[in-house]
All heavy atoms as atom14 arrays in JSON, in Angstrom:
{
  "sequence": "DALNHASIIDGIRLCKAQRYRYSNNDMQDLEAQLESADAAGARFKL",
  "atom14_mask": [
    [1, 1, 1, 1, 1, 1, 1, 1, 0, 0, 0, 0, 0, 0],
    [1, 1, 1, 1, 1, 0, 0, 0, 0, 0, 0, 0, 0, 0],
    [1, 1, 1, 1, 1, 1, 1, 1, 0, 0, 0, 0, 0, 0],
    [1, 1, 1, 1, 1, 1, 1, 1, 0, 0, 0, 0, 0, 0],
    [1, 1, 1, 1, 1, 1, 1, 1, 1, 1, 0, 0, 0, 0],
    [1, 1, 1, 1, 1, 0, 0, 0, 0, 0, 0, 0, 0, 0],
    [1, 1, 1, 1, 1, 1, 0, 0, 0, 0, 0, 0, 0, 0],
    [1, 1, 1, 1, 1, 1, 1, 1, 0, 0, 0, 0, 0, 0],
    [1, 1, 1, 1, 1, 1, 1, 1, 0, 0, 0, 0, 0, 0],
    [1, 1, 1, 1, 1, 1, 1, 1, 0, 0, 0, 0, 0, 0],
    [1, 1, 1, 1, 0, 0, 0, 0, 0, 0, 0, 0, 0, 0],
    [1, 1, 1, 1, 1, 1, 1, 1, 0, 0, 0, 0, 0, 0],
    [1, 1, 1, 1, 1, 1, 1, 1, 1, 1, 1, 0, 0, 0],
    [1, 1, 1, 1, 1, 1, 1, 1, 0, 0, 0, 0, 0, 0],
    [1, 1, 1, 1, 1, 1, 0, 0, 0, 0, 0, 0, 0, 0],
    [1, 1, 1, 1, 1, 1, 1, 1, 1, 0, 0, 0, 0, 0],
    [1, 1, 1, 1, 1, 0, 0, 0, 0, 0, 0, 0, 0, 0],
    [1, 1, 1, 1, 1, 1, 1, 1, 1, 0, 0, 0, 0, 0],
    [1, 1, 1, 1, 1, 1, 1, 1, 1, 1, 1, 0, 0, 0],
    [1, 1, 1, 1, 1, 1, 1, 1, 1, 1, 1, 1, 0, 0],
    [1, 1, 1, 1, 1, 1, 1, 1, 1, 1, 1, 0, 0, 0],
    [1, 1, 1, 1, 1, 1, 1, 1, 1, 1, 1, 1, 0, 0],
    [1, 1, 1, 1, 1, 1, 0, 0, 0, 0, 0, 0, 0, 0],
    [1, 1, 1, 1, 1, 1, 1, 1, 0, 0, 0, 0, 0, 0],
    [1, 1, 1, 1, 1, 1, 1, 1, 0, 0, 0, 0, 0, 0],
    [1, 1, 1, 1, 1, 1, 1, 1, 0, 0, 0, 0, 0, 0],
    [1, 1, 1, 1, 1, 1, 1, 1, 0, 0, 0, 0, 0, 0],
    [1, 1, 1, 1, 1, 1, 1, 1, 1, 0, 0, 0, 0, 0],
    [1, 1, 1, 1, 1, 1, 1, 1, 0, 0, 0, 0, 0, 0],
    [1, 1, 1, 1, 1, 1, 1, 1, 0, 0, 0, 0, 0, 0],
    [1, 1, 1, 1, 1, 1, 1, 1, 1, 0, 0, 0, 0, 0],
    [1, 1, 1, 1, 1, 0, 0, 0, 0, 0, 0, 0, 0, 0],
    [1, 1, 1, 1, 1, 1, 1, 1, 1, 0, 0, 0, 0, 0],
    [1, 1, 1, 1, 1, 1, 1, 1, 0, 0, 0, 0, 0, 0],
    [1, 1, 1, 1, 1, 1, 1, 1, 1, 0, 0, 0, 0, 0],
    [1, 1, 1, 1, 1, 1, 0, 0, 0, 0, 0, 0, 0, 0],
    [1, 1, 1, 1, 1, 0, 0, 0, 0, 0, 0, 0, 0, 0],
    [1, 1, 1, 1, 1, 1, 1, 1, 0, 0, 0, 0, 0, 0],
    [1, 1, 1, 1, 1, 0, 0, 0, 0, 0, 0, 0, 0, 0],
    [1, 1, 1, 1, 1, 0, 0, 0, 0, 0, 0, 0, 0, 0],
    [1, 1, 1, 1, 0, 0, 0, 0, 0, 0, 0, 0, 0, 0],
    [1, 1, 1, 1, 1, 0, 0, 0, 0, 0, 0, 0, 0, 0],
    [1, 1, 1, 1, 1, 1, 1, 1, 1, 1, 1, 0, 0, 0],
    [1, 1, 1, 1, 1, 1, 1, 1, 1, 1, 1, 0, 0, 0],
    [1, 1, 1, 1, 1, 1, 1, 1, 1, 0, 0, 0, 0, 0],
    [1, 1, 1, 1, 1, 1, 1, 1, 0, 0, 0, 0, 0, 0]
  ],
  "atom14_positions": [
    [[0.84, -1.19, 0.02], [0.01, 0.02, -0.03], [0.89, 1.22, -0.03], [1.92, 1.34, 0.66], [-0.93, 0.02, 1.24], [-1.95, 1.05, 1.16], [-1.65, 2.27, 1.39], [-3.13, 0.73, 0.98], [0.0, 0.0, 0.0], [0.0, 0.0, 0.0], [0.0, 0.0, 0.0], [0.0, 0.0, 0.0], [0.0, 0.0, 0.0], [0.0, 0.0, 0.0]],
    [[0.44, 2.28, -0.72], [1.24, 3.49, -0.91], [1.44, 4.24, 0.41], [2.43, 5.02, 0.49], [0.57, 4.4, -1.95], [0.0, 0.0, 0.0], [0.0, 0.0, 0.0], [0.0, 0.0, 0.0], [0.0, 0.0, 0.0], [0.0, 0.0, 0.0], [0.0, 0.0, 0.0], [0.0, 0.0, 0.0], [0.0, 0.0, 0.0], [0.0, 0.0, 0.0]],
    [[0.58, 4.08, 1.39], [0.77, 4.81, 2.64], [1.31, 3.96, 3.74], [1.22, 4.31, 4.93], [-0.57, 5.38, 3.09], [-1.14, 6.48, 2.2], [-2.36, 7.12, 2.91], [-0.12, 7.57, 1.98], [0.0, 0.0, 0.0], [0.0, 0.0, 0.0], [0.0, 0.0, 0.0], [0.0, 0.0, 0.0], [0.0, 0.0, 0.0], [0.0, 0.0, 0.0]],
    [[1.95, 2.84, 3.43], [2.46, 1.97, 4.48], [3.52, 2.65, 5.29], [4.23, 3.55, 4.81], [3.1, 0.67, 3.8], [2.04, -0.44, 3.58], [0.92, -0.34, 4.19], [2.36, -1.37, 2.78], [0.0, 0.0, 0.0], [0.0, 0.0, 0.0], [0.0, 0.0, 0.0], [0.0, 0.0, 0.0], [0.0, 0.0, 0.0], [0.0, 0.0, 0.0]],
    [[3.68, 2.19, 6.53], [4.65, 2.75, 7.48], [6.1, 2.67, 6.94], [6.42, 1.69, 6.2], [4.49, 2.0, 8.8], [5.33, 2.64, 9.89], [6.56, 2.22, 10.28], [4.93, 3.69, 10.73], [6.97, 3.03, 11.31], [5.95, 3.89, 11.59], [0.0, 0.0, 0.0], [0.0, 0.0, 0.0], [0.0, 0.0, 0.0], [0.0, 0.0, 0.0]],
    [[6.94, 3.57, 7.41], [8.32, 3.55, 7.01], [9.07, 2.27, 7.26], [9.94, 1.83, 6.49], [9.07, 4.68, 7.66], [0.0, 0.0, 0.0], [0.0, 0.0, 0.0], [0.0, 0.0, 0.0], [0.0, 0.0, 0.0], [0.0, 0.0, 0.0], [0.0, 0.0, 0.0], [0.0, 0.0, 0.0], [0.0, 0.0, 0.0], [0.0, 0.0, 0.0]],
    [[8.65, 1.51, 8.33], [9.36, 0.3, 8.62], [9.07, -0.79, 7.59], [9.89, -1.62, 7.26], [8.9, -0.23, 10.06], [7.49, -0.37, 10.09], [0.0, 0.0, 0.0], [0.0, 0.0, 0.0], [0.0, 0.0, 0.0], [0.0, 0.0, 0.0], [0.0, 0.0, 0.0], [0.0, 0.0, 0.0], [0.0, 0.0, 0.0], [0.0, 0.0, 0.0]],
    [[7.85, -0.77, 7.03], [7.51, -1.74, 5.9], [8.34, -1.34, 4.65], [8.95, -2.16, 4.0], [5.98, -1.7, 5.57], [5.19, -2.32, 6.73], [5.74, -2.43, 4.31], [3.73, -2.27, 6.52], [0.0, 0.0, 0.0], [0.0, 0.0, 0.0], [0.0, 0.0, 0.0], [0.0, 0.0, 0.0], [0.0, 0.0, 0.0], [0.0, 0.0, 0.0]],
    [[8.35, -0.04, 4.38], [9.14, 0.41, 3.22], [10.59, 0.05, 3.37], [11.2, -0.48, 2.42], [8.94, 1.96, 3.11], [7.49, 2.3, 2.77], [9.88, 2.55, 1.98], [7.19, 3.81, 2.82], [0.0, 0.0, 0.0], [0.0, 0.0, 0.0], [0.0, 0.0, 0.0], [0.0, 0.0, 0.0], [0.0, 0.0, 0.0], [0.0, 0.0, 0.0]],
    [[11.2, 0.28, 4.53], [12.58, -0.1, 4.68], [12.79, -1.55, 4.62], [13.81, -2.07, 4.08], [13.09, 0.5, 6.04], [13.39, 2.02, 5.92], [13.04, 2.56, 4.89], [13.86, 2.53, 6.97], [0.0, 0.0, 0.0], [0.0, 0.0, 0.0], [0.0, 0.0, 0.0], [0.0, 0.0, 0.0], [0.0, 0.0, 0.0], [0.0, 0.0, 0.0]],
    [[11.88, -2.33, 5.2], [11.99, -3.8, 5.14], [11.91, -4.31, 3.77], [12.7, -5.19, 3.32], [0.0, 0.0, 0.0], [0.0, 0.0, 0.0], [0.0, 0.0, 0.0], [0.0, 0.0, 0.0], [0.0, 0.0, 0.0], [0.0, 0.0, 0.0], [0.0, 0.0, 0.0], [0.0, 0.0, 0.0], [0.0, 0.0, 0.0], [0.0, 0.0, 0.0]],
    [[11.07, -3.71, 2.9], [11.0, -4.13, 1.49], [12.25, -3.77, 0.77], [12.7, -4.49, -0.09], [9.74, -3.43, 0.83], [8.46, -4.03, 1.45], [9.75, -3.65, -0.66], [7.21, -3.31, 0.94], [0.0, 0.0, 0.0], [0.0, 0.0, 0.0], [0.0, 0.0, 0.0], [0.0, 0.0, 0.0], [0.0, 0.0, 0.0], [0.0, 0.0, 0.0]],
    [[12.86, -2.64, 1.12], [14.13, -2.21, 0.4], [15.22, -3.24, 0.62], [16.11, -3.39, -0.23], [14.52, -0.91, 0.97], [13.73, 0.31, 0.4], [14.15, 1.59, 1.1], [13.4, 2.7, 0.6], [13.37, 3.91, 1.13], [13.93, 4.06, 2.34], [12.71, 4.89, 0.55], [0.0, 0.0, 0.0], [0.0, 0.0, 0.0], [0.0, 0.0, 0.0]],
    [[15.17, -3.97, 1.77], [16.26, -4.91, 2.05], [15.99, -6.25, 1.34], [16.91, -7.09, 1.29], [16.21, -5.23, 3.59], [16.7, -4.07, 4.47], [16.43, -4.45, 5.94], [18.21, -3.78, 4.24], [0.0, 0.0, 0.0], [0.0, 0.0, 0.0], [0.0, 0.0, 0.0], [0.0, 0.0, 0.0], [0.0, 0.0, 0.0], [0.0, 0.0, 0.0]],
    [[14.83, -6.41, 0.7], [14.47, -7.68, 0.05], [14.69, -7.53, -1.44], [14.49, -6.5, -2.04], [12.99, -7.92, 0.38], [12.35, -9.44, -0.34], [0.0, 0.0, 0.0], [0.0, 0.0, 0.0], [0.0, 0.0, 0.0], [0.0, 0.0, 0.0], [0.0, 0.0, 0.0], [0.0, 0.0, 0.0], [0.0, 0.0, 0.0], [0.0, 0.0, 0.0]],
    [[15.06, -8.63, -2.04], [15.28, -8.66, -3.51], [14.03, -8.93, -4.34], [14.09, -8.95, -5.59], [16.33, -9.75, -3.82], [17.72, -9.45, -3.23], [18.72, -10.54, -3.53], [20.05, -10.17, -2.91], [21.12, -11.28, -3.22], [0.0, 0.0, 0.0], [0.0, 0.0, 0.0], [0.0, 0.0, 0.0], [0.0, 0.0, 0.0], [0.0, 0.0, 0.0]],
    [[12.93, -9.13, -3.71], [11.67, -9.36, -4.4], [11.29, -8.2, -5.35], [11.63, -7.02, -5.03], [10.53, -9.7, -3.45], [0.0, 0.0, 0.0], [0.0, 0.0, 0.0], [0.0, 0.0, 0.0], [0.0, 0.0, 0.0], [0.0, 0.0, 0.0], [0.0, 0.0, 0.0], [0.0, 0.0, 0.0], [0.0, 0.0, 0.0], [0.0, 0.0, 0.0]],
    [[10.55, -8.43, -6.38], [10.04, -7.38, -7.19], [9.0, -6.58, -6.37], [8.23, -7.12, -5.63], [9.38, -7.95, -8.45], [10.38, -8.72, -9.33], [11.56, -7.87, -9.78], [11.33, -6.8, -10.36], [12.74, -8.23, -9.48], [0.0, 0.0, 0.0], [0.0, 0.0, 0.0], [0.0, 0.0, 0.0], [0.0, 0.0, 0.0], [0.0, 0.0, 0.0]],
    [[8.97, -5.26, -6.61], [8.1, -4.37, -5.87], [7.0, -3.78, -6.61], [7.26, -3.23, -7.72], [9.02, -3.28, -5.19], [10.15, -3.75, -4.41], [11.14, -2.64, -4.13], [12.44, -3.16, -3.62], [13.54, -2.45, -3.4], [13.48, -1.11, -3.72], [14.64, -3.02, -2.9], [0.0, 0.0, 0.0], [0.0, 0.0, 0.0], [0.0, 0.0, 0.0]],
    [[5.81, -3.81, -6.09], [4.67, -3.21, -6.65], [3.96, -2.36, -5.59], [3.92, -2.81, -4.45], [3.7, -4.31, -7.31], [4.33, -5.19, -8.3], [5.08, -6.29, -7.91], [4.16, -4.92, -9.64], [5.65, -7.07, -8.89], [4.71, -5.68, -10.65], [5.42, -6.77, -10.27], [6.02, -7.6, -11.21], [0.0, 0.0, 0.0], [0.0, 0.0, 0.0]],
    [[3.42, -1.24, -6.06], [2.75, -0.41, -5.08], [1.36, -0.04, -5.56], [1.15, 0.25, -6.77], [3.56, 0.91, -4.87], [3.03, 1.77, -3.75], [3.93, 2.98, -3.44], [3.83, 3.99, -4.47], [4.22, 5.23, -4.33], [4.81, 5.65, -3.18], [4.07, 6.11, -5.28], [0.0, 0.0, 0.0], [0.0, 0.0, 0.0], [0.0, 0.0, 0.0]],
    [[0.37, -0.09, -4.7], [-0.99, 0.27, -5.09], [-1.5, 1.44, -4.29], [-1.03, 1.67, -3.14], [-2.03, -0.94, -4.89], [-2.17, -1.42, -3.5], [-3.3, -1.01, -2.75], [-1.31, -2.38, -2.92], [-3.51, -1.45, -1.44], [-1.52, -2.84, -1.65], [-2.6, -2.4, -0.9], [-2.87, -2.86, 0.38], [0.0, 0.0, 0.0], [0.0, 0.0, 0.0]],
    [[-2.34, 2.26, -4.84], [-2.84, 3.46, -4.24], [-3.58, 3.05, -2.92], [-4.17, 2.06, -2.84], [-3.78, 4.22, -5.16], [-3.15, 4.59, -6.33], [0.0, 0.0, 0.0], [0.0, 0.0, 0.0], [0.0, 0.0, 0.0], [0.0, 0.0, 0.0], [0.0, 0.0, 0.0], [0.0, 0.0, 0.0], [0.0, 0.0, 0.0], [0.0, 0.0, 0.0]],
    [[-3.49, 3.99, -1.97], [-4.0, 3.68, -0.6], [-5.45, 3.14, -0.64], [-6.38, 3.83, -1.13], [-3.89, 4.94, 0.24], [-4.55, 4.73, 1.62], [-5.36, 5.47, 2.07], [-3.99, 3.74, 2.35], [0.0, 0.0, 0.0], [0.0, 0.0, 0.0], [0.0, 0.0, 0.0], [0.0, 0.0, 0.0], [0.0, 0.0, 0.0], [0.0, 0.0, 0.0]],
    [[-5.6, 1.95, -0.08], [-6.9, 1.35, 0.07], [-7.68, 1.23, -1.24], [-8.94, 1.13, -1.25], [-7.73, 2.11, 1.06], [-7.82, 1.39, 2.4], [-7.55, 0.17, 2.5], [-8.24, 2.09, 3.45], [0.0, 0.0, 0.0], [0.0, 0.0, 0.0], [0.0, 0.0, 0.0], [0.0, 0.0, 0.0], [0.0, 0.0, 0.0], [0.0, 0.0, 0.0]],
    [[-7.02, 1.22, -2.39], [-7.65, 1.17, -3.67], [-7.58, -0.27, -4.19], [-6.55, -0.74, -4.66], [-6.9, 2.08, -4.69], [-7.52, 2.22, -6.04], [-8.26, 1.22, -6.38], [-7.39, 3.26, -6.71], [0.0, 0.0, 0.0], [0.0, 0.0, 0.0], [0.0, 0.0, 0.0], [0.0, 0.0, 0.0], [0.0, 0.0, 0.0], [0.0, 0.0, 0.0]],
    [[-8.74, -0.92, -4.09], [-8.71, -2.38, -4.4], [-8.62, -2.64, -5.92], [-8.09, -3.66, -6.32], [-10.04, -2.96, -3.87], [-10.18, -2.94, -2.36], [-8.86, -3.83, -1.49], [-7.72, -2.46, -1.06], [0.0, 0.0, 0.0], [0.0, 0.0, 0.0], [0.0, 0.0, 0.0], [0.0, 0.0, 0.0], [0.0, 0.0, 0.0], [0.0, 0.0, 0.0]],
    [[-9.1, -1.67, -6.73], [-8.95, -1.84, -8.19], [-7.51, -1.81, -8.53], [-7.0, -2.59, -9.37], [-9.76, -0.72, -8.97], [-9.75, -0.86, -10.4], [-10.63, 0.15, -11.13], [-11.3, 0.87, -10.5], [-10.59, 0.16, -12.42], [0.0, 0.0, 0.0], [0.0, 0.0, 0.0], [0.0, 0.0, 0.0], [0.0, 0.0, 0.0], [0.0, 0.0, 0.0]],
    [[-6.73, -0.82, -7.94], [-5.32, -0.76, -8.28], [-4.55, -1.91, -7.7], [-3.57, -2.47, -8.29], [-4.75, 0.56, -7.65], [-3.39, 0.83, -8.24], [-2.96, 0.29, -9.19], [-2.68, 1.73, -7.57], [0.0, 0.0, 0.0], [0.0, 0.0, 0.0], [0.0, 0.0, 0.0], [0.0, 0.0, 0.0], [0.0, 0.0, 0.0], [0.0, 0.0, 0.0]],
    [[-4.98, -2.42, -6.51], [-4.33, -3.64, -5.95], [-4.51, -4.79, -6.92], [-3.56, -5.54, -7.2], [-4.99, -3.99, -4.56], [-4.54, -5.33, -3.95], [-2.99, -5.43, -3.77], [-5.2, -5.56, -2.6], [0.0, 0.0, 0.0], [0.0, 0.0, 0.0], [0.0, 0.0, 0.0], [0.0, 0.0, 0.0], [0.0, 0.0, 0.0], [0.0, 0.0, 0.0]],
    [[-5.71, -4.96, -7.45], [-5.91, -6.05, -8.37], [-5.03, -5.89, -9.66], [-4.45, -6.94, -10.15], [-7.36, -6.17, -8.79], [-7.69, -7.35, -9.72], [-9.12, -7.62, -9.86], [-9.98, -6.74, -9.59], [-9.45, -8.76, -10.36], [0.0, 0.0, 0.0], [0.0, 0.0, 0.0], [0.0, 0.0, 0.0], [0.0, 0.0, 0.0], [0.0, 0.0, 0.0]],
    [[-4.84, -4.66, -10.09], [-3.99, -4.39, -11.29], [-2.56, -4.81, -11.0], [-1.88, -5.41, -11.83], [-4.12, -2.97, -11.69], [0.0, 0.0, 0.0], [0.0, 0.0, 0.0], [0.0, 0.0, 0.0], [0.0, 0.0, 0.0], [0.0, 0.0, 0.0], [0.0, 0.0, 0.0], [0.0, 0.0, 0.0], [0.0, 0.0, 0.0], [0.0, 0.0, 0.0]],
    [[-2.1, -4.5, -9.76], [-0.71, -4.85, -9.4], [-0.54, -6.37, -9.19], [0.51, -6.91, -9.58], [-0.34, -4.18, -8.07], [-0.39, -2.62, -8.2], [0.34, -2.01, -9.33], [1.42, -2.43, -9.72], [-0.3, -1.08, -10.02], [0.0, 0.0, 0.0], [0.0, 0.0, 0.0], [0.0, 0.0, 0.0], [0.0, 0.0, 0.0], [0.0, 0.0, 0.0]],
    [[-1.54, -7.06, -8.74], [-1.49, -8.52, -8.7], [-1.4, -9.09, -10.02], [-0.67, -10.01, -10.26], [-2.71, -9.0, -7.94], [-2.76, -8.81, -6.37], [-4.15, -9.01, -5.82], [-1.74, -9.72, -5.75], [0.0, 0.0, 0.0], [0.0, 0.0, 0.0], [0.0, 0.0, 0.0], [0.0, 0.0, 0.0], [0.0, 0.0, 0.0], [0.0, 0.0, 0.0]],
    [[-2.24, -8.55, -10.97], [-2.19, -9.02, -12.34], [-0.79, -8.74, -12.95], [-0.24, -9.63, -13.69], [-3.22, -8.37, -13.18], [-4.66, -8.77, -12.8], [-5.69, -7.97, -13.48], [-5.37, -6.9, -14.09], [-6.86, -8.35, -13.53], [0.0, 0.0, 0.0], [0.0, 0.0, 0.0], [0.0, 0.0, 0.0], [0.0, 0.0, 0.0], [0.0, 0.0, 0.0]],
    [[-0.14, -7.66, -12.58], [1.2, -7.34, -13.16], [2.2, -8.35, -12.62], [3.11, -8.8, -13.33], [1.58, -5.93, -12.8], [0.74, -4.94, -13.41], [0.0, 0.0, 0.0], [0.0, 0.0, 0.0], [0.0, 0.0, 0.0], [0.0, 0.0, 0.0], [0.0, 0.0, 0.0], [0.0, 0.0, 0.0], [0.0, 0.0, 0.0], [0.0, 0.0, 0.0]],
    [[2.03, -8.64, -11.31], [2.99, -9.6, -10.74], [2.86, -10.98, -11.33], [3.85, -11.71, -11.59], [2.77, -9.63, -9.21], [0.0, 0.0, 0.0], [0.0, 0.0, 0.0], [0.0, 0.0, 0.0], [0.0, 0.0, 0.0], [0.0, 0.0, 0.0], [0.0, 0.0, 0.0], [0.0, 0.0, 0.0], [0.0, 0.0, 0.0], [0.0, 0.0, 0.0]],
    [[1.64, -11.37, -11.64], [1.4, -12.66, -12.28], [1.98, -12.66, -13.68], [2.62, -13.62, -14.12], [-0.09, -12.98, -12.36], [-0.6, -13.63, -11.07], [0.2, -14.08, -10.29], [-1.85, -13.63, -10.91], [0.0, 0.0, 0.0], [0.0, 0.0, 0.0], [0.0, 0.0, 0.0], [0.0, 0.0, 0.0], [0.0, 0.0, 0.0], [0.0, 0.0, 0.0]],
    [[1.79, -11.54, -14.38], [2.28, -11.42, -15.73], [3.83, -11.5, -15.82], [4.43, -11.96, -16.77], [1.86, -10.16, -16.39], [0.0, 0.0, 0.0], [0.0, 0.0, 0.0], [0.0, 0.0, 0.0], [0.0, 0.0, 0.0], [0.0, 0.0, 0.0], [0.0, 0.0, 0.0], [0.0, 0.0, 0.0], [0.0, 0.0, 0.0], [0.0, 0.0, 0.0]],
    [[4.47, -11.02, -14.71], [5.92, -11.11, -14.63], [6.4, -12.46, -14.13], [7.66, -12.66, -13.99], [6.42, -10.01, -13.65], [0.0, 0.0, 0.0], [0.0, 0.0, 0.0], [0.0, 0.0, 0.0], [0.0, 0.0, 0.0], [0.0, 0.0, 0.0], [0.0, 0.0, 0.0], [0.0, 0.0, 0.0], [0.0, 0.0, 0.0], [0.0, 0.0, 0.0]],
    [[5.51, -13.32, -13.85], [5.88, -14.72, -13.47], [6.32, -14.9, -11.99], [7.13, -15.74, -11.68], [0.0, 0.0, 0.0], [0.0, 0.0, 0.0], [0.0, 0.0, 0.0], [0.0, 0.0, 0.0], [0.0, 0.0, 0.0], [0.0, 0.0, 0.0], [0.0, 0.0, 0.0], [0.0, 0.0, 0.0], [0.0, 0.0, 0.0], [0.0, 0.0, 0.0]],
    [[5.79, -14.07, -11.16], [6.19, -14.2, -9.71], [5.87, -15.52, -9.16], [4.75, -16.08, -9.4], [5.42, -13.08, -8.9], [0.0, 0.0, 0.0], [0.0, 0.0, 0.0], [0.0, 0.0, 0.0], [0.0, 0.0, 0.0], [0.0, 0.0, 0.0], [0.0, 0.0, 0.0], [0.0, 0.0, 0.0], [0.0, 0.0, 0.0], [0.0, 0.0, 0.0]],
    [[6.83, -16.06, -8.42], [6.67, -17.33, -7.76], [5.63, -17.23, -6.6], [4.59, -17.9, -6.57], [7.94, -17.87, -7.29], [7.89, -19.25, -6.55], [9.2, -19.62, -5.99], [9.76, -18.63, -4.96], [10.83, -18.88, -4.2], [11.46, -20.06, -4.3], [11.22, -17.93, -3.38], [0.0, 0.0, 0.0], [0.0, 0.0, 0.0], [0.0, 0.0, 0.0]],
    [[5.97, -16.42, -5.62], [5.05, -16.08, -4.51], [4.7, -14.6, -4.51], [5.59, -13.81, -4.85], [5.7, -16.45, -3.15], [6.07, -17.92, -3.05], [7.41, -18.26, -2.77], [5.17, -18.94, -3.24], [7.8, -19.61, -2.67], [5.52, -20.26, -3.12], [6.83, -20.59, -2.89], [0.0, 0.0, 0.0], [0.0, 0.0, 0.0], [0.0, 0.0, 0.0]],
    [[3.52, -14.3, -4.11], [3.1, -12.88, -4.01], [2.66, -12.61, -2.61], [1.97, -13.38, -1.99], [1.91, -12.57, -4.95], [2.3, -12.84, -6.42], [1.08, -12.49, -7.29], [-0.1, -13.4, -7.13], [0.17, -14.86, -7.52], [0.0, 0.0, 0.0], [0.0, 0.0, 0.0], [0.0, 0.0, 0.0], [0.0, 0.0, 0.0], [0.0, 0.0, 0.0]],
    [[3.12, -11.45, -2.04], [2.77, -11.05, -0.66], [2.14, -9.64, -0.71], [2.85, -8.71, -1.16], [3.96, -11.08, 0.27], [3.78, -10.51, 1.7], [2.8, -11.41, 2.48], [5.11, -10.39, 2.42], [0.0, 0.0, 0.0], [0.0, 0.0, 0.0], [0.0, 0.0, 0.0], [0.0, 0.0, 0.0], [0.0, 0.0, 0.0], [0.0, 0.0, 0.0]]
  ]
}
């Protein structure tokens, strides 16, 4: 989520996973990002 706490943002920066961001509490955008992750062949999605 675009408004996530700084600790989440920093934790993600330490990770090598591909990063996707969705507009705050926007479920349509979240679905679009999930589709993008699938299209990129993501093994696991969190």
